[in-house]
Amino acid sequence: MNKITCAFLLLFTTSTCLAQQLSKSDFLEDLVYLKTTLSQRHISLFSKISEKDFNAKVAEIELKADSLNYDTFTAELFKLIVAIGDEHTRIEPTYTKIFPIKFEQFKEGIYVTGIEAKATNLMLGKLTAINGISIEEISKRFKSVILHENPSYFTVGFLNYLNNPNFLRGLKIINSTDEATYTLIDSTGKERNGTLKAVLKSENNNMTLNESYFSMLSTKSNDFYSYEYIEQEKALYFNYARCREMEKKPFSKFNEELFALIELKKPTKIILDLRNNSGGNSAILDPFIEKIKKSYLNNKKRFFVLIGKKTFSSALMNAVDLKRNFSVTLVGEPTSGNITTTEK
């Protein structure tokens, strides 16, 4: 029997919550908190780094404390987490600002898929530099603070932080968290520079998005799970965006509705979308798994599971379970997570 093993998620929050106005003593207090908490709570802290090397890296950060600011200190903590080598161990600083631009990576490069309304001339431009630093050098610096053993895991983090002022300043890509200049190549091959001002994350809802790209993604609902019956295709689309229960609709109730619709409409196919699911509790999906096992839809020509680079942790475990034990067809991109299997 195959067994999937997965490390526990450890989220790090310091006693000061990484408040941005920190002194040297605050940095050291946070560092000690992180070191102590990891040592006490991590199930396999020294599986990829020795205790000696871990302590040496902590000491290196201590020696730099006088020269660090909030952003460079945070970058040092990210580097420490990378040295641990566990995708489920990470820090989550509170970032309040963002540059109003979104990116997606394709085989040809990194392209703008969303941007503030007054700079739509930069839409679909290929990113080549930020503040004069080449995208190749930026990628190299990002690899010091984001695990890159799994290319999809790195890409998700890379794209997530390319518009983050504090993260970019921490890596010394920009000097100020107020603005950044993005250099892009447009569809005619012409180089264009766009200087963007940082905005509060709460004010970042007015970006213009490239509809041809975002129409491929499920963006209609913020629910953890939802479904839509596509009449012309006789297909049932099940978007499973998070492995978590919704307070107002437990998954068991949702699942009853889903299979009642299957009984009524008799769809010719079902599409389970895990592309944007970063995990949670893999057992949430169990009621669906039990019902689909006995369904006529449990057939490779009828049951499709969409995966992508954001499919991670418990969502990946669900995908692997379905692939191994059901008649499904997986469609999409390589996932973010790595799994360890043992034979019994």
Protein backbone atom coordinates (compact mmCIF):
# COMPACT_ATOMS: atom_id res chain seq x y z
CA MET A 1 0.00 0.00 0.00
CA ASN A 2 1.23 3.45 -0.84
CA LYS A 3 1.28 6.01 1.91
CA ILE A 4 1.57 9.75 1.31
CA THR A 5 3.43 11.63 4.00
CA CYS A 6 3.33 15.38 4.39
CA ALA A 7 5.05 17.77 6.81
CA PHE A 8 2.93 19.91 9.12
CA LEU A 9 2.41 23.55 8.22
CA LEU A 10 4.16 25.91 10.60
CA LEU A 11 3.22 29.57 10.32
CA PHE A 12 5.51 32.02 12.06
CA THR A 13 4.16 35.06 13.83
CA THR A 14 6.43 36.93 16.21
CA SER A 15 5.38 38.61 19.41
CA THR A 16 5.62 41.97 17.63
CA CYS A 17 4.03 40.61 14.42
CA LEU A 18 7.01 41.96 12.49
CA ALA A 19 5.85 45.53 12.93
CA GLN A 20 7.72 47.66 10.44
CA GLN A 21 9.15 50.08 13.02
CA LEU A 22 11.65 47.76 14.68
CA SER A 23 14.88 48.35 16.56
CA LYS A 24 17.89 46.07 16.77
CA SER A 25 16.54 44.62 20.02
CA ASP A 26 13.21 43.92 18.27
CA PHE A 27 15.02 42.10 15.46
CA LEU A 28 16.93 39.97 17.94
CA GLU A 29 13.79 39.23 19.94
CA ASP A 30 12.00 38.07 16.78
CA LEU A 31 14.98 36.00 15.74
CA VAL A 32 15.16 34.25 19.12
CA TYR A 33 11.41 33.63 18.97
CA LEU A 34 11.72 32.05 15.53
CA LYS A 35 14.69 29.91 16.55
CA THR A 36 12.99 28.71 19.74
CA THR A 37 9.62 28.07 18.13
CA LEU A 38 11.08 26.10 15.23
CA SER A 39 13.19 23.99 17.58
CA GLN A 40 10.18 23.17 19.75
CA ARG A 41 7.46 22.69 17.15
CA HIS A 42 9.04 21.53 13.89
CA ILE A 43 8.71 17.78 13.39
CA SER A 44 11.94 17.43 11.38
CA LEU A 45 13.85 20.71 11.60
CA PHE A 46 17.25 19.17 11.00
CA SER A 47 16.43 16.74 8.20
CA LYS A 48 18.07 18.93 5.53
CA ILE A 49 20.26 21.22 7.64
CA SER A 50 22.38 20.25 10.61
CA GLU A 51 21.70 21.86 13.97
CA LYS A 52 25.21 23.33 13.86
CA ASP A 53 24.64 24.97 10.47
CA PHE A 54 21.20 26.22 11.53
CA ASN A 55 22.61 27.88 14.63
CA ALA A 56 25.47 29.35 12.56
CA LYS A 57 22.98 30.97 10.16
CA VAL A 58 21.04 32.43 13.09
CA ALA A 59 24.30 33.83 14.48
CA GLU A 60 25.10 35.42 11.09
CA ILE A 61 21.80 37.29 11.19
CA GLU A 62 22.52 38.44 14.75
CA LEU A 63 25.83 39.93 13.61
CA LYS A 64 24.06 41.88 10.83
CA ALA A 65 21.35 43.30 13.09
CA ASP A 66 22.87 46.79 13.29
CA SER A 67 22.75 47.21 9.50
CA LEU A 68 19.28 45.77 8.88
CA ASN A 69 15.93 47.46 8.34
CA TYR A 70 12.51 45.78 8.39
CA ASP A 71 12.76 44.64 4.77
CA THR A 72 16.34 43.35 4.81
CA PHE A 73 15.74 41.64 8.17
CA THR A 74 12.71 39.88 6.73
CA ALA A 75 14.79 38.81 3.72
CA GLU A 76 17.34 37.26 6.10
CA LEU A 77 14.56 35.27 7.77
CA PHE A 78 13.36 34.05 4.37
CA LYS A 79 16.90 32.87 3.63
CA LEU A 80 16.96 30.97 6.92
CA ILE A 81 13.69 29.25 6.04
CA VAL A 82 15.10 28.28 2.62
CA ALA A 83 18.08 26.66 4.39
CA ILE A 84 15.64 24.47 6.37
CA GLY A 85 14.39 23.14 3.04
CA ASP A 86 10.76 22.44 3.96
CA GLU A 87 7.97 23.83 1.77
CA HIS A 88 5.51 23.77 4.68
CA THR A 89 7.69 25.90 6.92
CA ARG A 90 7.43 29.57 6.12
CA ILE A 91 7.12 33.02 7.59
CA GLU A 92 4.23 35.28 6.65
CA PRO A 93 5.08 38.92 7.33
CA THR A 94 2.28 41.46 7.14
CA TYR A 95 2.68 43.44 3.92
CA THR A 96 0.31 46.37 3.45
CA LYS A 97 1.44 47.87 0.13
CA ILE A 98 1.63 46.59 -3.42
CA PHE A 99 2.50 47.85 -6.89
CA PRO A 100 -0.67 47.74 -9.07
CA ILE A 101 0.59 45.16 -11.55
CA LYS A 102 0.12 41.39 -11.97
CA PHE A 103 2.26 38.88 -13.84
CA GLU A 104 2.02 35.38 -15.21
CA GLN A 105 4.84 33.17 -16.44
CA PHE A 106 4.70 31.43 -19.79
CA LYS A 107 7.39 29.49 -21.63
CA GLU A 108 8.34 32.69 -23.48
CA GLY A 109 8.83 34.70 -20.29
CA ILE A 110 6.96 36.72 -17.65
CA TYR A 111 4.10 38.88 -18.94
CA VAL A 112 1.79 41.54 -17.51
CA THR A 113 -1.76 40.19 -17.07
CA GLY A 114 -3.13 43.01 -14.91
CA ILE A 115 -2.22 46.65 -14.31
CA GLU A 116 -3.65 49.95 -13.08
CA ALA A 117 -6.04 51.58 -15.54
CA LYS A 118 -3.78 54.50 -16.45
CA ALA A 119 -0.99 52.17 -17.59
CA THR A 120 -2.90 49.70 -19.75
CA ASN A 121 -0.46 50.37 -22.60
CA LEU A 122 1.87 48.04 -20.67
CA MET A 123 -0.62 45.15 -20.66
CA LEU A 124 0.85 41.91 -22.04
CA GLY A 125 4.34 43.39 -22.00
CA LYS A 126 7.21 40.99 -21.30
CA LEU A 127 9.10 41.86 -18.11
CA THR A 128 12.85 42.33 -18.62
CA ALA A 129 13.95 44.43 -15.62
CA ILE A 130 12.92 46.27 -12.46
CA ASN A 131 14.78 49.50 -11.65
CA GLY A 132 17.39 48.54 -14.22
CA ILE A 133 18.11 45.11 -12.68
CA SER A 134 17.61 42.31 -15.20
CA ILE A 135 14.93 39.70 -14.66
CA GLU A 136 17.67 37.04 -14.68
CA GLU A 137 19.43 38.72 -11.76
CA ILE A 138 16.12 39.23 -9.97
CA SER A 139 15.33 35.53 -10.36
CA LYS A 140 18.74 34.67 -8.90
CA ARG A 141 18.11 36.86 -5.86
CA PHE A 142 14.62 35.41 -5.38
CA LYS A 143 16.09 31.90 -5.30
CA SER A 144 17.98 32.85 -2.15
CA VAL A 145 14.68 33.51 -0.35
CA ILE A 146 12.22 31.09 -2.00
CA LEU A 147 12.70 27.33 -2.26
CA HIS A 148 13.28 26.37 -5.90
CA GLU A 149 13.73 22.59 -5.86
CA ASN A 150 10.19 22.42 -7.23
CA PRO A 151 9.97 24.87 -10.18
CA SER A 152 6.22 25.43 -9.76
CA TYR A 153 6.61 26.26 -6.06
CA PHE A 154 9.27 28.84 -6.92
CA THR A 155 7.24 30.33 -9.76
CA VAL A 156 4.20 30.88 -7.53
CA GLY A 157 6.33 32.74 -4.97
CA PHE A 158 8.24 34.61 -7.66
CA LEU A 159 5.07 35.94 -9.30
CA ASN A 160 3.48 36.67 -5.94
CA TYR A 161 6.31 38.96 -4.80
CA LEU A 162 7.27 40.70 -8.05
CA ASN A 163 4.85 43.50 -7.17
CA ASN A 164 5.69 43.62 -3.45
CA PRO A 165 7.58 46.82 -2.48
CA ASN A 166 8.93 45.50 0.82
CA PHE A 167 10.08 42.20 -0.65
CA LEU A 168 11.84 43.92 -3.56
CA ARG A 169 13.51 46.40 -1.20
CA GLY A 170 14.62 43.57 1.07
CA LEU A 171 16.49 42.04 -1.87
CA LYS A 172 17.92 45.47 -2.79
CA ILE A 173 16.15 45.52 -6.14
CA ILE A 174 14.50 48.84 -5.33
CA ASN A 175 15.60 51.54 -2.88
CA SER A 176 12.19 52.86 -1.88
CA THR A 177 8.90 51.14 -1.19
CA ASP A 178 7.05 54.06 -2.78
CA GLU A 179 7.72 53.37 -6.46
CA ALA A 180 9.42 51.06 -8.95
CA THR A 181 10.18 51.22 -12.66
CA TYR A 182 9.24 48.09 -14.64
CA THR A 183 10.91 47.62 -18.02
CA LEU A 184 8.84 45.68 -20.55
CA ILE A 185 8.95 44.64 -24.20
CA ASP A 186 5.63 45.20 -25.99
CA SER A 187 4.15 43.12 -28.82
CA THR A 188 6.04 45.18 -31.44
CA GLY A 189 9.38 44.54 -29.75
CA LYS A 190 9.64 48.08 -28.41
CA GLU A 191 11.04 48.62 -24.90
CA ARG A 192 8.78 50.52 -22.55
CA ASN A 193 9.33 51.75 -18.99
CA GLY A 194 6.48 52.16 -16.53
CA THR A 195 7.01 53.78 -13.14
CA LEU A 196 4.34 52.61 -10.71
CA LYS A 197 3.44 54.08 -7.34
CA ALA A 198 2.75 51.68 -4.48
CA VAL A 199 -0.84 51.51 -3.22
CA LEU A 200 -2.46 49.91 -0.20
CA LYS A 201 -3.53 46.33 -0.86
CA SER A 202 -7.10 47.32 -0.05
CA GLU A 203 -6.95 49.84 -2.91
CA ASN A 204 -5.66 47.33 -5.43
CA ASN A 205 -9.07 46.25 -6.73
CA ASN A 206 -9.18 48.73 -9.60
CA MET A 207 -6.59 47.03 -11.77
CA THR A 208 -7.48 46.27 -15.37
CA LEU A 209 -7.12 42.54 -15.98
CA ASN A 210 -6.43 40.78 -19.24
CA GLU A 211 -9.75 39.01 -19.77
CA SER A 212 -8.38 36.42 -22.22
CA TYR A 213 -6.10 35.14 -19.46
CA PHE A 214 -8.35 35.46 -16.43
CA SER A 215 -11.31 33.89 -18.22
CA MET A 216 -9.30 30.66 -18.09
CA LEU A 217 -9.30 30.84 -14.31
CA SER A 218 -12.20 30.44 -11.91
CA THR A 219 -12.67 33.97 -10.56
CA LYS A 220 -16.46 34.12 -10.21
CA SER A 221 -16.61 33.17 -6.55
CA ASN A 222 -14.58 33.60 -3.39
CA ASP A 223 -16.17 30.50 -1.87
CA PHE A 224 -13.94 27.59 -0.90
CA TYR A 225 -16.11 25.34 -3.07
CA SER A 226 -18.72 26.03 -5.73
CA TYR A 227 -20.18 24.41 -8.81
CA GLU A 228 -21.70 25.37 -12.15
CA TYR A 229 -23.57 23.23 -14.65
CA ILE A 230 -22.64 24.05 -18.26
CA GLU A 231 -25.73 23.08 -20.21
CA GLN A 232 -24.31 23.20 -23.74
CA GLU A 233 -21.45 20.90 -22.77
CA LYS A 234 -23.50 18.79 -20.37
CA ALA A 235 -20.56 19.26 -18.00
CA LEU A 236 -20.49 19.87 -14.27
CA TYR A 237 -17.70 22.21 -13.17
CA PHE A 238 -16.67 21.86 -9.50
CA ASN A 239 -14.28 24.55 -8.30
CA TYR A 240 -12.49 23.36 -5.15
CA ALA A 241 -10.48 26.44 -4.21
CA ARG A 242 -9.50 25.64 -0.63
CA CYS A 243 -9.42 22.52 1.53
CA ARG A 244 -11.47 24.18 4.26
CA GLU A 245 -15.05 24.14 5.53
CA MET A 246 -17.29 27.14 4.94
CA GLU A 247 -19.19 28.16 8.07
CA LYS A 248 -22.40 28.94 6.21
CA LYS A 249 -22.32 25.78 4.12
CA PRO A 250 -20.50 22.69 5.45
CA PHE A 251 -18.96 20.60 2.71
CA SER A 252 -21.29 17.67 3.45
CA LYS A 253 -24.30 19.89 2.64
CA PHE A 254 -22.60 21.23 -0.49
CA ASN A 255 -21.81 17.65 -1.55
CA GLU A 256 -25.45 16.63 -1.21
CA GLU A 257 -26.47 19.49 -3.50
CA LEU A 258 -23.74 18.58 -5.98
CA PHE A 259 -24.84 14.95 -6.31
CA ALA A 260 -28.51 15.92 -6.36
CA LEU A 261 -27.68 18.00 -9.44
CA ILE A 262 -25.78 15.05 -10.93
CA GLU A 263 -28.86 12.87 -10.41
CA LEU A 264 -31.08 15.49 -12.03
CA LYS A 265 -28.93 16.58 -14.97
CA LYS A 266 -26.96 13.40 -15.67
CA PRO A 267 -23.86 15.30 -16.90
CA THR A 268 -21.59 13.53 -19.37
CA LYS A 269 -18.49 14.77 -17.55
CA ILE A 270 -17.38 16.33 -14.28
CA ILE A 271 -14.45 18.73 -13.97
CA LEU A 272 -12.82 19.10 -10.54
CA ASP A 273 -10.68 22.26 -10.49
CA LEU A 274 -7.75 22.18 -8.05
CA ARG A 275 -5.57 24.71 -9.90
CA ASN A 276 -5.77 27.46 -7.26
CA ASN A 277 -6.07 25.24 -4.19
CA SER A 278 -3.11 25.73 -1.85
CA GLY A 279 -4.29 23.18 0.70
CA GLY A 280 -5.75 22.94 4.18
CA ASN A 281 -7.36 19.69 5.35
CA SER A 282 -7.31 16.90 2.77
CA ALA A 283 -10.16 15.09 4.56
CA ILE A 284 -12.68 17.81 3.65
CA LEU A 285 -13.08 16.25 0.20
CA ASP A 286 -13.82 12.76 1.61
CA PRO A 287 -17.64 12.93 1.13
CA PHE A 288 -17.13 13.73 -2.55
CA ILE A 289 -14.55 10.98 -2.92
CA GLU A 290 -16.87 8.40 -1.38
CA LYS A 291 -19.77 9.36 -3.65
CA ILE A 292 -17.80 9.70 -6.88
CA LYS A 293 -16.23 6.28 -6.33
CA LYS A 294 -19.58 4.60 -7.05
CA SER A 295 -20.68 7.04 -9.74
CA TYR A 296 -20.88 6.47 -13.48
CA LEU A 297 -18.65 9.58 -13.69
CA ASN A 298 -15.72 7.60 -12.26
CA ASN A 299 -14.35 7.12 -15.75
CA LYS A 300 -11.30 8.60 -17.48
CA LYS A 301 -13.47 9.90 -20.30
CA ARG A 302 -15.87 11.56 -17.86
CA PHE A 303 -13.85 12.60 -14.79
CA PHE A 304 -11.26 15.36 -15.26
CA VAL A 305 -9.10 16.92 -12.53
CA LEU A 306 -7.44 20.26 -13.27
CA ILE A 307 -4.11 20.89 -11.54
CA GLY A 308 -1.63 23.74 -11.75
CA LYS A 309 1.39 25.37 -10.19
CA LYS A 310 -0.71 26.62 -7.25
CA THR A 311 -1.97 23.12 -6.39
CA PHE A 312 -0.21 22.43 -3.10
CA SER A 313 -0.23 20.44 0.13
CA SER A 314 -3.62 18.81 0.88
CA ALA A 315 -4.95 19.64 -2.59
CA LEU A 316 -1.98 17.79 -4.08
CA MET A 317 -2.70 14.84 -1.78
CA ASN A 318 -6.28 14.80 -3.06
CA ALA A 319 -5.07 14.85 -6.67
CA VAL A 320 -2.61 12.00 -6.04
CA ASP A 321 -5.31 9.96 -4.28
CA LEU A 322 -7.69 10.42 -7.19
CA LYS A 323 -5.01 9.60 -9.74
CA ARG A 324 -3.99 6.40 -7.98
CA ASN A 325 -7.37 5.06 -6.92
CA PHE A 326 -9.90 6.40 -9.40
CA SER A 327 -10.45 6.54 -13.15
CA VAL A 328 -9.54 10.17 -13.73
CA THR A 329 -7.67 12.23 -16.28
CA LEU A 330 -5.34 14.88 -14.84
CA VAL A 331 -5.06 18.04 -16.93
CA GLY A 332 -2.83 21.06 -16.41
CA GLU A 333 0.63 22.05 -15.19
CA PRO A 334 3.13 20.55 -12.72
CA THR A 335 2.09 21.24 -9.11
CA SER A 336 3.88 23.18 -6.37
CA GLY A 337 4.10 20.38 -3.84
CA ASN A 338 6.48 17.48 -3.43
CA ILE A 339 5.32 14.22 -1.87
CA THR A 340 7.18 11.38 -0.21
CA THR A 341 5.91 7.87 -0.76
CA THR A 342 6.79 4.70 1.05
CA GLU A 343 5.83 1.19 0.08
CA LYS A 344 4.08 -1.12 2.57
